[in-house]
Protein backbone atom coordinates (compact mmCIF):
# COMPACT_ATOMS: atom_id res chain seq x y z
CA UNK A 1 51.50 75.66 116.05
CA UNK A 2 52.36 75.94 112.47
CA UNK A 3 52.33 79.22 110.24
CA UNK A 4 49.16 79.10 107.94
CA UNK A 5 49.61 81.35 104.71
CA UNK A 6 46.78 82.35 102.32
CA UNK A 7 47.55 81.26 99.24
CA UNK A 8 46.28 83.06 96.01
CA UNK A 9 46.85 81.51 92.66
CA UNK A 10 48.80 83.54 90.01
CA UNK A 11 46.70 84.38 86.92
CA UNK A 12 47.48 82.19 83.53
CA UNK A 13 49.13 85.75 82.22
CA UNK A 14 51.52 85.91 84.96
CA UNK A 15 52.41 82.00 84.23
CA UNK A 16 52.81 82.70 80.68
CA UNK A 17 54.87 85.96 81.53
CA UNK A 18 57.23 84.39 83.49
CA UNK A 19 57.87 81.40 80.99
CA UNK A 20 58.69 83.71 78.43
CA UNK A 21 60.78 86.00 80.40
CA UNK A 22 62.80 82.93 81.37
CA UNK A 23 62.87 81.52 77.85
CA UNK A 24 63.92 84.87 76.42
CA UNK A 25 66.59 85.07 79.26
CA UNK A 26 68.19 81.69 78.06
CA UNK A 27 68.01 82.38 74.50
CA UNK A 28 69.71 85.76 75.05
CA UNK A 29 72.25 84.25 77.25
CA UNK A 30 72.84 81.59 74.56
CA UNK A 31 72.97 84.30 71.59
CA UNK A 32 75.52 86.12 73.48
CA UNK A 33 77.75 83.30 74.30
CA UNK A 34 77.67 81.83 70.58
CA UNK A 35 78.43 85.24 69.21
CA UNK A 36 81.27 86.07 71.53
CA UNK A 37 84.21 86.81 69.90
CA UNK A 38 87.34 85.06 70.96
CA UNK A 39 88.73 81.79 71.72
CA UNK A 40 86.14 79.00 72.08
CA UNK A 41 87.56 78.32 75.58
CA UNK A 42 86.26 81.61 76.47
CA UNK A 43 82.73 81.11 75.07
CA UNK A 44 82.80 77.80 76.68
CA UNK A 45 83.83 79.05 80.40
CA UNK A 46 81.15 81.76 79.87
CA UNK A 47 78.54 78.95 79.12
CA UNK A 48 79.40 76.76 82.04
CA UNK A 49 79.39 80.22 84.34
CA UNK A 50 75.79 80.71 83.08
CA UNK A 51 74.68 77.10 83.61
CA UNK A 52 76.28 77.02 87.05
CA UNK A 53 74.56 80.63 88.08
CA UNK A 54 71.16 79.20 86.64
CA UNK A 55 71.23 76.09 88.51
CA UNK A 56 72.52 77.66 91.81
CA UNK A 57 69.95 80.21 91.40
CA UNK A 58 67.38 77.42 91.59
CA UNK A 59 68.89 75.84 94.51
CA UNK A 60 69.10 78.75 96.42
CA UNK A 61 65.53 79.64 95.86
CA UNK A 62 64.50 76.19 96.75
CA UNK A 63 66.82 76.10 100.07
CA UNK A 64 65.32 79.36 101.16
CA UNK A 65 61.35 78.32 100.67
CA UNK A 66 62.03 75.18 102.10
CA UNK A 67 63.62 76.64 105.44
CA UNK A 68 61.09 79.65 105.74
CA UNK A 69 59.27 78.48 108.51
CA UNK A 70 62.20 76.82 110.20
CA UNK A 71 65.46 75.22 109.20
CA UNK A 72 65.01 71.83 107.91
CA UNK A 73 68.15 71.56 106.06
CA UNK A 74 71.40 70.92 107.78
CA UNK A 75 73.71 73.88 108.49
CA UNK A 76 76.20 72.04 106.24
CA UNK A 77 73.73 71.82 103.23
CA UNK A 78 72.70 75.27 103.64
CA UNK A 79 76.64 76.72 103.47
CA UNK A 80 77.03 74.60 100.60
CA UNK A 81 74.11 75.92 98.67
CA UNK A 82 75.10 79.42 99.28
CA UNK A 83 78.84 78.92 98.80
CA UNK A 84 78.26 77.64 95.11
CA UNK A 85 75.92 80.48 94.40
CA UNK A 86 78.58 82.71 95.49
CA UNK A 87 81.28 80.83 93.42
CA UNK A 88 78.91 80.83 90.45
CA UNK A 89 78.49 84.55 90.52
CA UNK A 90 81.97 85.43 91.51
CA UNK A 91 83.60 83.01 89.01
CA UNK A 92 81.14 83.98 86.03
CA UNK A 93 81.69 87.81 86.88
CA UNK A 94 85.60 87.09 86.98
CA UNK A 95 85.29 85.17 83.80
CA UNK A 96 83.47 88.06 81.79
CA UNK A 97 85.63 90.53 83.38
CA UNK A 98 88.79 89.18 82.14
CA UNK A 99 87.52 88.46 78.47
CA UNK A 100 89.22 90.50 75.79
CA UNK A 101 86.02 91.77 74.35
CA UNK A 102 84.87 94.87 73.73
CA UNK A 103 82.80 96.87 76.62
CA UNK A 104 79.57 96.64 75.02
CA UNK A 105 79.78 93.00 74.61
CA UNK A 106 80.53 92.50 78.25
CA UNK A 107 77.67 94.54 79.26
CA UNK A 108 75.36 92.51 76.93
CA UNK A 109 76.89 89.44 78.83
CA UNK A 110 76.52 90.91 82.02
CA UNK A 111 72.62 91.92 81.40
CA UNK A 112 71.38 88.76 79.72
CA UNK A 113 73.30 86.99 82.82
CA UNK A 114 71.62 89.23 85.59
CA UNK A 115 68.22 88.48 83.53
CA UNK A 116 68.65 84.83 83.82
CA UNK A 117 69.17 84.94 87.36
CA UNK A 118 66.45 87.23 88.34
CA UNK A 119 63.97 85.35 85.94
CA UNK A 120 65.24 81.65 87.47
CA UNK A 121 64.32 83.21 90.99
CA UNK A 122 60.77 84.49 89.46
CA UNK A 123 60.30 81.04 87.88
CA UNK A 124 61.31 78.99 91.00
CA UNK A 125 58.60 80.98 92.96
CA UNK A 126 56.02 80.82 90.73
CA UNK A 127 56.17 77.04 90.20
CA UNK A 128 56.83 76.54 94.08
CA UNK A 129 53.73 78.60 94.77
CA UNK A 130 51.40 76.62 92.41
CA UNK A 131 52.61 73.28 93.85
CA UNK A 132 51.63 74.75 97.32
CA UNK A 133 48.46 75.85 96.49
CA UNK A 134 47.68 72.76 94.96
CA UNK A 135 48.54 70.86 98.07
CA UNK A 136 46.43 73.52 100.37
CA UNK A 137 43.66 72.92 98.29
CA UNK A 138 43.70 69.17 98.28
CA UNK A 139 44.40 69.48 101.97
CA UNK A 140 41.25 71.34 102.34
CA UNK A 141 39.07 69.00 100.03
CA UNK A 142 40.27 66.02 102.19
CA UNK A 143 39.09 68.23 105.35
CA UNK A 144 35.89 68.71 103.88
CA UNK A 145 35.22 64.89 102.87
CA UNK A 146 36.20 63.56 106.54
C-alpha cells in the first residue's frame, strides 16, 4: 500500500517570505562577489562556487524528495548528486578560505553563501509542496467525478 500524506497548503505570506529570502540571498551573495577585493579570477571562482552550490542544493533537495518513499533513482545518480553537493561546498569553502581578504569579508561571504544554500532548500521544498498539493487536489477531484 502506498504511503499517504495529508497536504496542507502554505500561506501566501509564507510563499512571499520564501521568495524574498531567496532573492535577498542571491543579492547579498552577488553584492559580496562584486565588491570582493583582489583579482578578478578570485571573484570569478567565488561566483562559480556560489552557482555550483546553488544548483547542487536544488538537485539534492529534488533527489531526496523524489526518493522519500523508496529509491527510484539509480545508486549511481544518487552518489553523483551527493558528490556534486559535497564538491560544491568543499571547493567553495576552500576558495573562500584561501582568498587573501580581511576576515570580516570572508565572514560576510560565508554567511551569505550559507544563507543562499538554506533558502535554496526552503524554496525547493515550498515549490515541491505546492506542486504535490495541486496533484493531490486534482486526483481527489477526478476521484469524486467518477
